[in-house]
Amino acid sequence: MDLKSCGVFPFGNWNGGELCLFEPKLVLDLQPGDLFIFPSSDITHFNLHMSGKRFSLVFQTDREIVGWKETRNDWLPHMAPGTI
């Protein structure tokens, strides 16, 4: 449920674990230190099986932050004045 995009930054020592993007039919063999940015809300994605140790920093843009800014995710009518 990203607003615009998601960034993936893998690191570690592993074999396999390719990132698959279903709709565009892509299989990406990301390496340690690669940064891949894609619209994760619009593309079905998953990783293949892997061995070793793999870690990822995942950066995302939160779609719900827009609702929080506009209506406090529908809590605004229930909030005490001056708490915003």
PDB file of N, CA and C in Angstrom:
ATOM      1  N   MET A   1       0.815  -1.194   0.000  1.00  0.00           N
ATOM      2  CA  MET A   1       0.000   0.000   0.000  1.00  0.00           C
ATOM      3  C   MET A   1       0.865   1.267   0.000  1.00  0.00           C
ATOM      4  N   ASP A   2       1.894   1.269  -0.825  1.00  0.00           N
ATOM      5  CA  ASP A   2       2.742   2.449  -0.942  1.00  0.00           C
ATOM      6  C   ASP A   2       2.019   3.559  -1.686  1.00  0.00           C
ATOM      7  N   LEU A   3       2.381   4.773  -1.364  1.00  0.00           N
ATOM      8  CA  LEU A   3       1.814   5.927  -2.051  1.00  0.00           C
ATOM      9  C   LEU A   3       2.370   6.027  -3.472  1.00  0.00           C
ATOM     10  N   LYS A   4       3.661   5.937  -3.608  1.00  0.00           N
ATOM     11  CA  LYS A   4       4.273   6.062  -4.930  1.00  0.00           C
ATOM     12  C   LYS A   4       5.249   4.935  -5.211  1.00  0.00           C
ATOM     13  N   SER A   5       6.230   4.767  -4.337  1.00  0.00           N
ATOM     14  CA  SER A   5       7.275   3.802  -4.655  1.00  0.00           C
ATOM     15  C   SER A   5       7.853   3.161  -3.404  1.00  0.00           C
ATOM     16  N   CYS A   6       8.652   2.141  -3.657  1.00  0.00           N
ATOM     17  CA  CYS A   6       9.319   1.379  -2.604  1.00  0.00           C
ATOM     18  C   CYS A   6      10.760   1.188  -3.055  1.00  0.00           C
ATOM     19  N   GLY A   7      11.688   1.293  -2.121  1.00  0.00           N
ATOM     20  CA  GLY A   7      13.085   1.048  -2.424  1.00  0.00           C
ATOM     21  C   GLY A   7      13.593  -0.144  -1.629  1.00  0.00           C
ATOM     22  N   VAL A   8      14.337  -1.018  -2.282  1.00  0.00           N
ATOM     23  CA  VAL A   8      14.889  -2.210  -1.640  1.00  0.00           C
ATOM     24  C   VAL A   8      16.407  -2.149  -1.753  1.00  0.00           C
ATOM     25  N   PHE A   9      17.085  -2.306  -0.613  1.00  0.00           N
ATOM     26  CA  PHE A   9      18.549  -2.251  -0.542  1.00  0.00           C
ATOM     27  C   PHE A   9      19.022  -3.525   0.162  1.00  0.00           C
ATOM     28  N   PRO A  10      19.376  -4.590  -0.607  1.00  0.00           N
ATOM     29  CA  PRO A  10      19.796  -5.848   0.024  1.00  0.00           C
ATOM     30  C   PRO A  10      21.271  -5.832   0.427  1.00  0.00           C
ATOM     31  N   PHE A  11      21.566  -6.577   1.492  1.00  0.00           N
ATOM     32  CA  PHE A  11      22.958  -6.768   1.875  1.00  0.00           C
ATOM     33  C   PHE A  11      23.087  -8.108   2.582  1.00  0.00           C
ATOM     34  N   GLY A  12      24.272  -8.637   2.611  1.00  0.00           N
ATOM     35  CA  GLY A  12      24.535  -9.934   3.214  1.00  0.00           C
ATOM     36  C   GLY A  12      25.329 -10.809   2.258  1.00  0.00           C
ATOM     37  N   ASN A  13      25.277 -12.120   2.488  1.00  0.00           N
ATOM     38  CA  ASN A  13      25.986 -13.090   1.664  1.00  0.00           C
ATOM     39  C   ASN A  13      25.025 -14.232   1.385  1.00  0.00           C
ATOM     40  N   TRP A  14      24.498 -14.314   0.177  1.00  0.00           N
ATOM     41  CA  TRP A  14      23.463 -15.283  -0.135  1.00  0.00           C
ATOM     42  C   TRP A  14      23.593 -15.766  -1.583  1.00  0.00           C
ATOM     43  N   ASN A  15      22.886 -16.833  -1.868  1.00  0.00           N
ATOM     44  CA  ASN A  15      22.723 -17.347  -3.230  1.00  0.00           C
ATOM     45  C   ASN A  15      21.239 -17.482  -3.492  1.00  0.00           C
ATOM     46  N   GLY A  16      20.814 -17.103  -4.693  1.00  0.00           N
ATOM     47  CA  GLY A  16      19.396 -17.187  -5.033  1.00  0.00           C
ATOM     48  C   GLY A  16      18.668 -15.948  -4.540  1.00  0.00           C
ATOM     49  N   GLY A  17      17.377 -16.106  -4.256  1.00  0.00           N
ATOM     50  CA  GLY A  17      16.577 -15.023  -3.691  1.00  0.00           C
ATOM     51  C   GLY A  17      16.254 -13.900  -4.652  1.00  0.00           C
ATOM     52  N   GLU A  18      16.239 -14.207  -5.951  1.00  0.00           N
ATOM     53  CA  GLU A  18      15.954 -13.161  -6.936  1.00  0.00           C
ATOM     54  C   GLU A  18      14.592 -12.513  -6.662  1.00  0.00           C
ATOM     55  N   LEU A  19      14.507 -11.228  -6.969  1.00  0.00           N
ATOM     56  CA  LEU A  19      13.259 -10.485  -6.836  1.00  0.00           C
ATOM     57  C   LEU A  19      12.471 -10.648  -8.134  1.00  0.00           C
ATOM     58  N   CYS A  20      11.254 -11.159  -8.017  1.00  0.00           N
ATOM     59  CA  CYS A  20      10.406 -11.384  -9.186  1.00  0.00           C
ATOM     60  C   CYS A  20       9.305 -10.330  -9.224  1.00  0.00           C
ATOM     61  N   LEU A  21       9.150  -9.706 -10.376  1.00  0.00           N
ATOM     62  CA  LEU A  21       8.080  -8.751 -10.617  1.00  0.00           C
ATOM     63  C   LEU A  21       7.135  -9.415 -11.609  1.00  0.00           C
ATOM     64  N   PHE A  22       5.948  -9.774 -11.129  1.00  0.00           N
ATOM     65  CA  PHE A  22       5.056 -10.646 -11.887  1.00  0.00           C
ATOM     66  C   PHE A  22       4.532 -10.015 -13.174  1.00  0.00           C
ATOM     67  N   GLU A  23       3.870  -8.869 -13.083  1.00  0.00           N
ATOM     68  CA  GLU A  23       3.222  -8.288 -14.265  1.00  0.00           C
ATOM     69  C   GLU A  23       4.209  -7.937 -15.382  1.00  0.00           C
ATOM     70  N   PRO A  24       5.349  -7.305 -15.082  1.00  0.00           N
ATOM     71  CA  PRO A  24       6.298  -7.034 -16.176  1.00  0.00           C
ATOM     72  C   PRO A  24       7.172  -8.247 -16.536  1.00  0.00           C
ATOM     73  N   LYS A  25       6.956  -9.366 -15.812  1.00  0.00           N
ATOM     74  CA  LYS A  25       7.699 -10.607 -16.101  1.00  0.00           C
ATOM     75  C   LYS A  25       9.217 -10.406 -16.017  1.00  0.00           C
ATOM     76  N   LEU A  26       9.659  -9.821 -14.902  1.00  0.00           N
ATOM     77  CA  LEU A  26      11.083  -9.588 -14.681  1.00  0.00           C
ATOM     78  C   LEU A  26      11.573 -10.385 -13.483  1.00  0.00           C
ATOM     79  N   VAL A  27      12.788 -10.894 -13.585  1.00  0.00           N
ATOM     80  CA  VAL A  27      13.469 -11.550 -12.476  1.00  0.00           C
ATOM     81  C   VAL A  27      14.789 -10.814 -12.295  1.00  0.00           C
ATOM     82  N   LEU A  28      14.963 -10.201 -11.120  1.00  0.00           N
ATOM     83  CA  LEU A  28      16.144  -9.366 -10.865  1.00  0.00           C
ATOM     84  C   LEU A  28      17.057 -10.031  -9.859  1.00  0.00           C
ATOM     85  N   ASP A  29      18.304 -10.185 -10.238  1.00  0.00           N
ATOM     86  CA  ASP A  29      19.308 -10.777  -9.360  1.00  0.00           C
ATOM     87  C   ASP A  29      20.043  -9.640  -8.645  1.00  0.00           C
ATOM     88  N   LEU A  30      19.378  -9.060  -7.641  1.00  0.00           N
ATOM     89  CA  LEU A  30      19.980  -7.942  -6.914  1.00  0.00           C
ATOM     90  C   LEU A  30      21.183  -8.419  -6.113  1.00  0.00           C
ATOM     91  N   GLN A  31      22.208  -7.602  -6.097  1.00  0.00           N
ATOM     92  CA  GLN A  31      23.449  -7.910  -5.391  1.00  0.00           C
ATOM     93  C   GLN A  31      23.582  -7.006  -4.171  1.00  0.00           C
ATOM     94  N   PRO A  32      24.445  -7.372  -3.220  1.00  0.00           N
ATOM     95  CA  PRO A  32      24.645  -6.516  -2.051  1.00  0.00           C
ATOM     96  C   PRO A  32      24.988  -5.087  -2.470  1.00  0.00           C
ATOM     97  N   GLY A  33      24.259  -4.134  -1.892  1.00  0.00           N
ATOM     98  CA  GLY A  33      24.506  -2.734  -2.183  1.00  0.00           C
ATOM     99  C   GLY A  33      23.684  -2.162  -3.320  1.00  0.00           C
ATOM    100  N   ASP A  34      22.977  -3.019  -4.082  1.00  0.00           N
ATOM    101  CA  ASP A  34      22.089  -2.500  -5.125  1.00  0.00           C
ATOM    102  C   ASP A  34      20.921  -1.782  -4.468  1.00  0.00           C
ATOM    103  N   LEU A  35      20.399  -0.783  -5.134  1.00  0.00           N
ATOM    104  CA  LEU A  35      19.176  -0.116  -4.703  1.00  0.00           C
ATOM    105  C   LEU A  35      18.199  -0.207  -5.850  1.00  0.00           C
ATOM    106  N   PHE A  36      17.046  -0.813  -5.592  1.00  0.00           N
ATOM    107  CA  PHE A  36      16.025  -0.953  -6.628  1.00  0.00           C
ATOM    108  C   PHE A  36      14.759  -0.257  -6.153  1.00  0.00           C
ATOM    109  N   ILE A  37      14.246   0.651  -6.970  1.00  0.00           N
ATOM    110  CA  ILE A  37      13.047   1.409  -6.631  1.00  0.00           C
ATOM    111  C   ILE A  37      11.969   1.052  -7.643  1.00  0.00           C
ATOM    112  N   PHE A  38      10.763   0.719  -7.141  1.00  0.00           N
ATOM    113  CA  PHE A  38       9.672   0.334  -8.035  1.00  0.00           C
ATOM    114  C   PHE A  38       8.336   0.624  -7.358  1.00  0.00           C
ATOM    115  N   PRO A  39       7.262   0.705  -8.141  1.00  0.00           N
ATOM    116  CA  PRO A  39       5.934   0.975  -7.577  1.00  0.00           C
ATOM    117  C   PRO A  39       5.321  -0.315  -7.013  1.00  0.00           C
ATOM    118  N   SER A  40       5.674  -0.654  -5.802  1.00  0.00           N
ATOM    119  CA  SER A  40       5.311  -1.961  -5.247  1.00  0.00           C
ATOM    120  C   SER A  40       3.813  -2.159  -5.057  1.00  0.00           C
ATOM    121  N   SER A  41       3.031  -1.094  -4.968  1.00  0.00           N
ATOM    122  CA  SER A  41       1.576  -1.251  -4.851  1.00  0.00           C
ATOM    123  C   SER A  41       0.947  -1.695  -6.161  1.00  0.00           C
ATOM    124  N   ASP A  42       1.630  -1.443  -7.265  1.00  0.00           N
ATOM    125  CA  ASP A  42       1.075  -1.745  -8.578  1.00  0.00           C
ATOM    126  C   ASP A  42       1.628  -3.021  -9.199  1.00  0.00           C
ATOM    127  N   ILE A  43       2.657  -3.596  -8.587  1.00  0.00           N
ATOM    128  CA  ILE A  43       3.307  -4.771  -9.170  1.00  0.00           C
ATOM    129  C   ILE A  43       3.378  -5.882  -8.126  1.00  0.00           C
ATOM    130  N   THR A  44       2.821  -7.039  -8.458  1.00  0.00           N
ATOM    131  CA  THR A  44       2.947  -8.206  -7.593  1.00  0.00           C
ATOM    132  C   THR A  44       4.421  -8.605  -7.560  1.00  0.00           C
ATOM    133  N   HIS A  45       4.965  -8.796  -6.360  1.00  0.00           N
ATOM    134  CA  HIS A  45       6.394  -9.093  -6.254  1.00  0.00           C
ATOM    135  C   HIS A  45       6.647 -10.107  -5.145  1.00  0.00           C
ATOM    136  N   PHE A  46       7.720 -10.866  -5.329  1.00  0.00           N
ATOM    137  CA  PHE A  46       8.113 -11.892  -4.362  1.00  0.00           C
ATOM    138  C   PHE A  46       9.563 -12.265  -4.619  1.00  0.00           C
ATOM    139  N   ASN A  47      10.155 -12.976  -3.654  1.00  0.00           N
ATOM    140  CA  ASN A  47      11.525 -13.463  -3.806  1.00  0.00           C
ATOM    141  C   ASN A  47      11.519 -14.973  -3.999  1.00  0.00           C
ATOM    142  N   LEU A  48      12.461 -15.455  -4.798  1.00  0.00           N
ATOM    143  CA  LEU A  48      12.664 -16.892  -4.942  1.00  0.00           C
ATOM    144  C   LEU A  48      13.430 -17.415  -3.726  1.00  0.00           C
ATOM    145  N   HIS A  49      13.464 -18.725  -3.590  1.00  0.00           N
ATOM    146  CA  HIS A  49      14.184 -19.335  -2.471  1.00  0.00           C
ATOM    147  C   HIS A  49      15.656 -18.965  -2.525  1.00  0.00           C
ATOM    148  N   MET A  50      16.276 -18.902  -1.363  1.00  0.00           N
ATOM    149  CA  MET A  50      17.678 -18.525  -1.272  1.00  0.00           C
ATOM    150  C   MET A  50      18.351 -19.298  -0.159  1.00  0.00           C
ATOM    151  N   SER A  51      19.669 -19.269  -0.162  1.00  0.00           N
ATOM    152  CA  SER A  51      20.451 -19.830   0.939  1.00  0.00           C
ATOM    153  C   SER A  51      21.456 -18.770   1.376  1.00  0.00           C
ATOM    154  N   GLY A  52      21.890 -18.864   2.623  1.00  0.00           N
ATOM    155  CA  GLY A  52      22.814 -17.882   3.159  1.00  0.00           C
ATOM    156  C   GLY A  52      22.091 -16.897   4.054  1.00  0.00           C
ATOM    157  N   LYS A  53      22.688 -15.736   4.221  1.00  0.00           N
ATOM    158  CA  LYS A  53      22.097 -14.685   5.047  1.00  0.00           C
ATOM    159  C   LYS A  53      21.869 -13.458   4.182  1.00  0.00           C
ATOM    160  N   ARG A  54      20.614 -13.064   4.103  1.00  0.00           N
ATOM    161  CA  ARG A  54      20.249 -11.893   3.311  1.00  0.00           C
ATOM    162  C   ARG A  54      19.404 -10.977   4.179  1.00  0.00           C
ATOM    163  N   PHE A  55      19.749  -9.720   4.144  1.00  0.00           N
ATOM    164  CA  PHE A  55      19.003  -8.696   4.863  1.00  0.00           C
ATOM    165  C   PHE A  55      18.615  -7.626   3.846  1.00  0.00           C
ATOM    166  N   SER A  56      17.554  -6.921   4.111  1.00  0.00           N
ATOM    167  CA  SER A  56      17.141  -5.848   3.212  1.00  0.00           C
ATOM    168  C   SER A  56      16.656  -4.657   4.020  1.00  0.00           C
ATOM    169  N   LEU A  57      17.082  -3.485   3.605  1.00  0.00           N
ATOM    170  CA  LEU A  57      16.451  -2.260   4.078  1.00  0.00           C
ATOM    171  C   LEU A  57      15.377  -1.944   3.046  1.00  0.00           C
ATOM    172  N   VAL A  58      14.169  -1.735   3.516  1.00  0.00           N
ATOM    173  CA  VAL A  58      13.055  -1.443   2.622  1.00  0.00           C
ATOM    174  C   VAL A  58      12.536  -0.057   2.970  1.00  0.00           C
ATOM    175  N   PHE A  59      12.531   0.802   1.977  1.00  0.00           N
ATOM    176  CA  PHE A  59      12.052   2.166   2.142  1.00  0.00           C
ATOM    177  C   PHE A  59      10.727   2.275   1.400  1.00  0.00           C
ATOM    178  N   GLN A  60       9.725   2.808   2.073  1.00  0.00           N
ATOM    179  CA  GLN A  60       8.423   2.899   1.430  1.00  0.00           C
ATOM    180  C   GLN A  60       7.804   4.262   1.666  1.00  0.00           C
ATOM    181  N   THR A  61       6.878   4.617   0.794  1.00  0.00           N
ATOM    182  CA  THR A  61       6.092   5.831   0.958  1.00  0.00           C
ATOM    183  C   THR A  61       4.702   5.392   1.408  1.00  0.00           C
ATOM    184  N   ASP A  62       4.279   5.870   2.533  1.00  0.00           N
ATOM    185  CA  ASP A  62       3.051   5.399   3.174  1.00  0.00           C
ATOM    186  C   ASP A  62       1.818   6.113   2.629  1.00  0.00           C
ATOM    187  N   ARG A  63       0.924   5.362   2.000  1.00  0.00           N
ATOM    188  CA  ARG A  63      -0.307   5.920   1.438  1.00  0.00           C
ATOM    189  C   ARG A  63      -1.195   6.527   2.514  1.00  0.00           C
ATOM    190  N   GLU A  64      -1.194   5.952   3.700  1.00  0.00           N
ATOM    191  CA  GLU A  64      -2.072   6.424   4.773  1.00  0.00           C
ATOM    192  C   GLU A  64      -1.644   7.776   5.339  1.00  0.00           C
ATOM    193  N   ILE A  65      -0.425   8.223   5.048  1.00  0.00           N
ATOM    194  CA  ILE A  65       0.017   9.512   5.567  1.00  0.00           C
ATOM    195  C   ILE A  65      -0.815  10.651   4.985  1.00  0.00           C
ATOM    196  N   VAL A  66      -1.333  10.474   3.764  1.00  0.00           N
ATOM    197  CA  VAL A  66      -2.187  11.496   3.150  1.00  0.00           C
ATOM    198  C   VAL A  66      -3.476  11.629   3.959  1.00  0.00           C
ATOM    199  N   GLY A  67      -4.088  10.505   4.333  1.00  0.00           N
ATOM    200  CA  GLY A  67      -5.293  10.539   5.151  1.00  0.00           C
ATOM    201  C   GLY A  67      -5.043  11.151   6.515  1.00  0.00           C
ATOM    202  N   TRP A  68      -3.883  10.908   7.068  1.00  0.00           N
ATOM    203  CA  TRP A  68      -3.549  11.485   8.368  1.00  0.00           C
ATOM    204  C   TRP A  68      -3.441  13.007   8.255  1.00  0.00           C
ATOM    205  N   LYS A  69      -2.815  13.468   7.210  1.00  0.00           N
ATOM    206  CA  LYS A  69      -2.653  14.914   7.013  1.00  0.00           C
ATOM    207  C   LYS A  69      -4.010  15.591   6.825  1.00  0.00           C
ATOM    208  N   GLU A  70      -4.910  14.965   6.080  1.00  0.00           N
ATOM    209  CA  GLU A  70      -6.180  15.603   5.751  1.00  0.00           C
ATOM    210  C   GLU A  70      -7.237  15.459   6.844  1.00  0.00           C
ATOM    211  N   THR A  71      -7.415  14.263   7.395  1.00  0.00           N
ATOM    212  CA  THR A  71      -8.509  14.033   8.357  1.00  0.00           C
ATOM    213  C   THR A  71      -8.076  13.262   9.593  1.00  0.00           C
ATOM    214  N   ARG A  72      -6.759  13.136   9.783  1.00  0.00           N
ATOM    215  CA  ARG A  72      -6.221  12.311  10.877  1.00  0.00           C
ATOM    216  C   ARG A  72      -6.817  10.900  10.795  1.00  0.00           C
ATOM    217  N   ASN A  73      -6.920  10.393   9.548  1.00  0.00           N
ATOM    218  CA  ASN A  73      -7.488   9.066   9.264  1.00  0.00           C
ATOM    219  C   ASN A  73      -8.858   8.906   9.908  1.00  0.00           C
ATOM    220  N   ASP A  74      -9.682   9.936   9.724  1.00  0.00           N
ATOM    221  CA  ASP A  74     -11.074  10.008  10.204  1.00  0.00           C
ATOM    222  C   ASP A  74     -11.193  10.158  11.719  1.00  0.00           C
ATOM    223  N   TRP A  75     -10.115  10.455  12.414  1.00  0.00           N
ATOM    224  CA  TRP A  75     -10.164  10.695  13.856  1.00  0.00           C
ATOM    225  C   TRP A  75     -10.351  12.170  14.179  1.00  0.00           C
ATOM    226  N   LEU A  76     -10.226  13.050  13.185  1.00  0.00           N
ATOM    227  CA  LEU A  76     -10.277  14.493  13.424  1.00  0.00           C
ATOM    228  C   LEU A  76     -11.509  14.937  14.199  1.00  0.00           C
ATOM    229  N   PRO A  77     -12.735  14.455  13.888  1.00  0.00           N
ATOM    230  CA  PRO A  77     -13.909  14.905  14.657  1.00  0.00           C
ATOM    231  C   PRO A  77     -13.881  14.477  16.125  1.00  0.00           C
ATOM    232  N   HIS A  78     -13.060  13.500  16.460  1.00  0.00           N
ATOM    233  CA  HIS A  78     -13.014  12.965  17.823  1.00  0.00           C
ATOM    234  C   HIS A  78     -11.852  13.517  18.640  1.00  0.00           C
ATOM    235  N   MET A  79     -11.048  14.367  18.026  1.00  0.00           N
ATOM    236  CA  MET A  79      -9.855  14.883  18.717  1.00  0.00           C
ATOM    237  C   MET A  79     -10.186  16.207  19.417  1.00  0.00           C
ATOM    238  N   ALA A  80      -9.597  16.383  20.554  1.00  0.00           N
ATOM    239  CA  ALA A  80      -9.810  17.612  21.320  1.00  0.00           C
ATOM    240  C   ALA A  80      -9.154  18.782  20.588  1.00  0.00           C
ATOM    241  N   PRO A  81      -9.788  19.949  20.608  1.00  0.00           N
ATOM    242  CA  PRO A  81      -9.188  21.121  19.965  1.00  0.00           C
ATOM    243  C   PRO A  81      -7.789  21.394  20.526  1.00  0.00           C
ATOM    244  N   GLY A  82      -6.905  21.801  19.653  1.00  0.00           N
ATOM    245  CA  GLY A  82      -5.549  22.129  20.059  1.00  0.00           C
ATOM    246  C   GLY A  82      -4.613  20.939  20.151  1.00  0.00           C
ATOM    247  N   THR A  83      -5.074  19.720  19.834  1.00  0.00           N
ATOM    248  CA  THR A  83      -4.197  18.546  19.907  1.00  0.00           C
ATOM    249  C   THR A  83      -3.595  18.192  18.569  1.00  0.00           C
ATOM    250  N   ILE A  84      -3.874  18.990  17.568  1.00  0.00           N
ATOM    251  CA  ILE A  84      -3.395  18.665  16.230  1.00  0.00           C
ATOM    252  C   ILE A  84      -2.058  19.317  15.983  1.00  0.00           C
TER     253      ILE A  84
END
